[in-house]
Amino acid sequence: MASKKIVVKKYVVRLSAEERAQLEALIRAGKRSAQLLTKARILLKAGVSDVGDGWSDSRIAEALDTSVANIERTRRQLVEEGFESVLTRKYS
């Protein structure tokens, strides 16, 4: 009997319509770092909305040619630090 694996995300991406529009505008402009544009794409694809659940991490990783770890970090940063934090580049 085939079993279906249920994955419960610890960090669920929920974007407001305004945040979604801001990310889409950021991507369209294309005038930010590649790292930041990738984070914006990750959030858009991972976002849970009224229409349905977001993409799985493995599907996003394949589509955006990035690592699952990067997607997990981006989700965690959004939930723990907030939307603006994801869009601000950190300098160490």
N, C-alpha and C. Protein backbone atom coordinates (compact mmCIF):
# COMPACT_ATOMS: atom_id res chain seq x y z
N MET A 1 0.84 -1.18 0.00
CA MET A 1 0.00 0.00 0.00
C MET A 1 0.89 1.24 0.00
N ALA A 2 0.66 2.12 -0.92
CA ALA A 2 1.46 3.34 -1.02
C ALA A 2 0.99 4.35 0.02
N SER A 3 1.95 4.90 0.73
CA SER A 3 1.60 5.92 1.71
C SER A 3 2.00 7.29 1.19
N LYS A 4 1.23 8.25 1.55
CA LYS A 4 1.50 9.62 1.13
C LYS A 4 2.15 10.35 2.29
N LYS A 5 3.31 10.91 2.04
CA LYS A 5 4.04 11.61 3.08
C LYS A 5 3.48 13.02 3.22
N ILE A 6 3.09 13.35 4.42
CA ILE A 6 2.54 14.68 4.69
C ILE A 6 3.64 15.50 5.35
N VAL A 7 3.94 16.62 4.75
CA VAL A 7 4.98 17.50 5.26
C VAL A 7 4.32 18.73 5.87
N VAL A 8 4.61 18.99 7.12
CA VAL A 8 4.07 20.16 7.79
C VAL A 8 5.19 21.20 7.86
N LYS A 9 4.96 22.32 7.23
CA LYS A 9 5.97 23.38 7.22
C LYS A 9 5.96 24.13 8.54
N LYS A 10 7.14 24.32 9.09
CA LYS A 10 7.26 25.06 10.33
C LYS A 10 7.13 26.56 10.04
N TYR A 11 7.66 26.99 8.92
CA TYR A 11 7.62 28.40 8.55
C TYR A 11 6.76 28.55 7.30
N VAL A 12 5.52 28.99 7.49
CA VAL A 12 4.58 29.12 6.39
C VAL A 12 4.58 30.56 5.89
N VAL A 13 4.72 30.71 4.58
CA VAL A 13 4.77 32.04 3.95
C VAL A 13 3.34 32.48 3.64
N ARG A 14 2.92 33.55 4.29
CA ARG A 14 1.61 34.15 4.03
C ARG A 14 1.85 35.61 3.67
N LEU A 15 1.59 35.96 2.41
CA LEU A 15 1.83 37.31 1.93
C LEU A 15 0.52 38.05 1.75
N SER A 16 0.52 39.32 2.13
CA SER A 16 -0.65 40.15 1.86
C SER A 16 -0.63 40.51 0.38
N ALA A 17 -1.73 41.02 -0.12
CA ALA A 17 -1.80 41.43 -1.53
C ALA A 17 -0.77 42.53 -1.81
N GLU A 18 -0.57 43.41 -0.84
CA GLU A 18 0.40 44.50 -0.98
C GLU A 18 1.84 43.95 -1.05
N GLU A 19 2.16 43.00 -0.19
CA GLU A 19 3.50 42.40 -0.20
C GLU A 19 3.76 41.65 -1.50
N ARG A 20 2.74 40.92 -1.96
CA ARG A 20 2.86 40.19 -3.23
C ARG A 20 3.11 41.16 -4.39
N ALA A 21 2.38 42.26 -4.41
CA ALA A 21 2.54 43.27 -5.46
C ALA A 21 3.94 43.90 -5.40
N GLN A 22 4.43 44.13 -4.19
CA GLN A 22 5.77 44.70 -4.01
C GLN A 22 6.84 43.75 -4.55
N LEU A 23 6.71 42.47 -4.27
CA LEU A 23 7.67 41.48 -4.76
C LEU A 23 7.63 41.38 -6.28
N GLU A 24 6.42 41.38 -6.85
CA GLU A 24 6.29 41.30 -8.30
C GLU A 24 6.90 42.52 -8.98
N ALA A 25 6.71 43.70 -8.40
CA ALA A 25 7.29 44.93 -8.95
C ALA A 25 8.82 44.88 -8.87
N LEU A 26 9.33 44.36 -7.77
CA LEU A 26 10.78 44.23 -7.57
C LEU A 26 11.38 43.34 -8.65
N ILE A 27 10.73 42.23 -8.93
CA ILE A 27 11.22 41.30 -9.95
C ILE A 27 11.14 41.91 -11.34
N ARG A 28 10.02 42.58 -11.62
CA ARG A 28 9.86 43.22 -12.95
C ARG A 28 10.93 44.26 -13.20
N ALA A 29 11.26 45.05 -12.18
CA ALA A 29 12.27 46.10 -12.34
C ALA A 29 13.65 45.48 -12.57
N GLY A 30 13.96 44.41 -11.84
CA GLY A 30 15.23 43.71 -12.02
C GLY A 30 16.45 44.52 -11.68
N LYS A 31 16.32 45.53 -10.82
CA LYS A 31 17.44 46.42 -10.53
C LYS A 31 18.06 46.17 -9.16
N ARG A 32 17.85 44.98 -8.62
CA ARG A 32 18.43 44.63 -7.34
C ARG A 32 19.39 43.47 -7.53
N SER A 33 20.05 43.05 -6.45
CA SER A 33 21.01 41.96 -6.56
C SER A 33 20.30 40.65 -6.94
N ALA A 34 21.02 39.77 -7.57
CA ALA A 34 20.46 38.47 -7.97
C ALA A 34 19.97 37.71 -6.74
N GLN A 35 20.69 37.83 -5.64
CA GLN A 35 20.32 37.14 -4.39
C GLN A 35 18.96 37.64 -3.90
N LEU A 36 18.75 38.93 -3.94
CA LEU A 36 17.49 39.51 -3.48
C LEU A 36 16.33 39.14 -4.41
N LEU A 37 16.59 39.15 -5.70
CA LEU A 37 15.55 38.76 -6.66
C LEU A 37 15.17 37.29 -6.49
N THR A 38 16.15 36.45 -6.18
CA THR A 38 15.86 35.03 -5.93
C THR A 38 14.99 34.89 -4.68
N LYS A 39 15.30 35.65 -3.63
CA LYS A 39 14.47 35.60 -2.42
C LYS A 39 13.04 36.02 -2.73
N ALA A 40 12.87 37.04 -3.54
CA ALA A 40 11.53 37.50 -3.91
C ALA A 40 10.79 36.41 -4.66
N ARG A 41 11.45 35.75 -5.58
CA ARG A 41 10.82 34.65 -6.34
C ARG A 41 10.46 33.48 -5.43
N ILE A 42 11.34 33.18 -4.48
CA ILE A 42 11.08 32.11 -3.51
C ILE A 42 9.80 32.41 -2.73
N LEU A 43 9.69 33.63 -2.22
CA LEU A 43 8.53 33.99 -1.42
C LEU A 43 7.24 33.93 -2.23
N LEU A 44 7.29 34.38 -3.48
CA LEU A 44 6.09 34.33 -4.32
C LEU A 44 5.65 32.90 -4.58
N LYS A 45 6.59 32.03 -4.84
CA LYS A 45 6.25 30.63 -5.13
C LYS A 45 5.85 29.86 -3.88
N ALA A 46 6.42 30.22 -2.74
CA ALA A 46 6.15 29.51 -1.48
C ALA A 46 4.88 30.02 -0.80
N GLY A 47 4.40 31.17 -1.22
CA GLY A 47 3.26 31.80 -0.55
C GLY A 47 1.99 30.98 -0.58
N VAL A 48 1.34 30.91 0.58
CA VAL A 48 0.05 30.24 0.70
C VAL A 48 -1.01 31.32 0.56
N SER A 49 -2.02 31.04 -0.28
CA SER A 49 -3.07 32.04 -0.50
C SER A 49 -4.43 31.37 -0.53
N ASP A 50 -5.46 32.16 -0.81
CA ASP A 50 -6.82 31.63 -0.93
C ASP A 50 -6.93 30.65 -2.08
N VAL A 51 -6.11 30.85 -3.09
CA VAL A 51 -6.13 30.00 -4.28
C VAL A 51 -5.61 28.60 -3.97
N GLY A 52 -4.64 28.50 -3.07
CA GLY A 52 -4.09 27.20 -2.72
C GLY A 52 -2.75 27.32 -2.01
N ASP A 53 -2.18 26.15 -1.74
CA ASP A 53 -0.88 26.11 -1.08
C ASP A 53 0.22 26.50 -2.05
N GLY A 54 1.31 26.98 -1.49
CA GLY A 54 2.46 27.32 -2.30
C GLY A 54 3.18 26.08 -2.78
N TRP A 55 4.19 26.30 -3.59
CA TRP A 55 4.98 25.19 -4.14
C TRP A 55 5.78 24.53 -3.02
N SER A 56 6.18 23.28 -3.25
CA SER A 56 7.06 22.58 -2.31
C SER A 56 8.47 23.15 -2.45
N ASP A 57 9.26 22.98 -1.41
CA ASP A 57 10.64 23.49 -1.44
C ASP A 57 11.44 22.85 -2.57
N SER A 58 11.27 21.55 -2.78
CA SER A 58 12.04 20.88 -3.83
C SER A 58 11.63 21.38 -5.22
N ARG A 59 10.35 21.66 -5.41
CA ARG A 59 9.89 22.19 -6.70
C ARG A 59 10.44 23.60 -6.94
N ILE A 60 10.44 24.43 -5.89
CA ILE A 60 10.99 25.79 -6.00
C ILE A 60 12.48 25.72 -6.31
N ALA A 61 13.20 24.84 -5.59
CA ALA A 61 14.65 24.70 -5.79
C ALA A 61 14.97 24.34 -7.23
N GLU A 62 14.19 23.43 -7.79
CA GLU A 62 14.41 23.02 -9.17
C GLU A 62 14.09 24.15 -10.15
N ALA A 63 12.99 24.84 -9.93
CA ALA A 63 12.56 25.90 -10.83
C ALA A 63 13.52 27.10 -10.81
N LEU A 64 14.04 27.43 -9.63
CA LEU A 64 14.89 28.62 -9.49
C LEU A 64 16.38 28.31 -9.45
N ASP A 65 16.73 27.04 -9.59
CA ASP A 65 18.12 26.61 -9.57
C ASP A 65 18.83 27.11 -8.31
N THR A 66 18.24 26.80 -7.17
CA THR A 66 18.80 27.17 -5.88
C THR A 66 18.69 25.98 -4.95
N SER A 67 19.19 26.11 -3.74
CA SER A 67 19.18 24.99 -2.80
C SER A 67 17.92 25.02 -1.92
N VAL A 68 17.55 23.86 -1.44
CA VAL A 68 16.42 23.76 -0.51
C VAL A 68 16.77 24.52 0.77
N ALA A 69 18.04 24.48 1.18
CA ALA A 69 18.48 25.19 2.38
C ALA A 69 18.25 26.69 2.24
N ASN A 70 18.50 27.25 1.06
CA ASN A 70 18.28 28.67 0.81
C ASN A 70 16.79 29.00 0.96
N ILE A 71 15.94 28.13 0.47
CA ILE A 71 14.50 28.33 0.56
C ILE A 71 14.06 28.28 2.02
N GLU A 72 14.58 27.32 2.76
CA GLU A 72 14.24 27.20 4.18
C GLU A 72 14.69 28.44 4.95
N ARG A 73 15.90 28.94 4.66
CA ARG A 73 16.40 30.15 5.33
C ARG A 73 15.52 31.35 5.02
N THR A 74 15.09 31.46 3.76
CA THR A 74 14.26 32.59 3.36
C THR A 74 12.90 32.54 4.05
N ARG A 75 12.29 31.36 4.13
CA ARG A 75 11.02 31.19 4.85
C ARG A 75 11.19 31.59 6.31
N ARG A 76 12.24 31.06 6.95
CA ARG A 76 12.48 31.33 8.36
C ARG A 76 12.69 32.82 8.61
N GLN A 77 13.46 33.46 7.74
CA GLN A 77 13.73 34.89 7.90
C GLN A 77 12.43 35.69 7.81
N LEU A 78 11.56 35.34 6.88
CA LEU A 78 10.29 36.06 6.74
C LEU A 78 9.46 35.92 8.02
N VAL A 79 9.33 34.70 8.52
CA VAL A 79 8.49 34.46 9.70
C VAL A 79 9.09 35.07 10.97
N GLU A 80 10.39 34.93 11.15
CA GLU A 80 11.02 35.39 12.39
C GLU A 80 11.35 36.88 12.39
N GLU A 81 11.78 37.42 11.24
CA GLU A 81 12.27 38.79 11.21
C GLU A 81 11.35 39.77 10.47
N GLY A 82 10.45 39.26 9.65
CA GLY A 82 9.50 40.13 8.97
C GLY A 82 9.84 40.37 7.50
N PHE A 83 8.84 40.87 6.79
CA PHE A 83 8.92 41.07 5.35
C PHE A 83 10.07 42.01 4.94
N GLU A 84 10.17 43.14 5.63
CA GLU A 84 11.20 44.14 5.26
C GLU A 84 12.61 43.59 5.45
N SER A 85 12.79 42.74 6.44
CA SER A 85 14.09 42.14 6.69
C SER A 85 14.57 41.29 5.52
N VAL A 86 13.65 40.60 4.87
CA VAL A 86 14.00 39.75 3.74
C VAL A 86 14.50 40.61 2.59
N LEU A 87 13.92 41.81 2.44
CA LEU A 87 14.28 42.68 1.32
C LEU A 87 15.48 43.58 1.61
N THR A 88 16.02 43.50 2.81
CA THR A 88 17.17 44.31 3.17
C THR A 88 18.41 43.43 3.17
N ARG A 89 19.40 43.82 2.43
CA ARG A 89 20.62 43.04 2.36
C ARG A 89 21.45 43.27 3.61
N LYS A 90 21.89 42.18 4.21
CA LYS A 90 22.70 42.27 5.42
C LYS A 90 24.17 42.36 5.06
N TYR A 91 24.87 43.26 5.71
CA TYR A 91 26.31 43.37 5.51
C TYR A 91 27.00 42.98 6.80
N SER A 92 27.88 41.98 6.72
CA SER A 92 28.55 41.49 7.93
C SER A 92 29.80 42.28 8.21
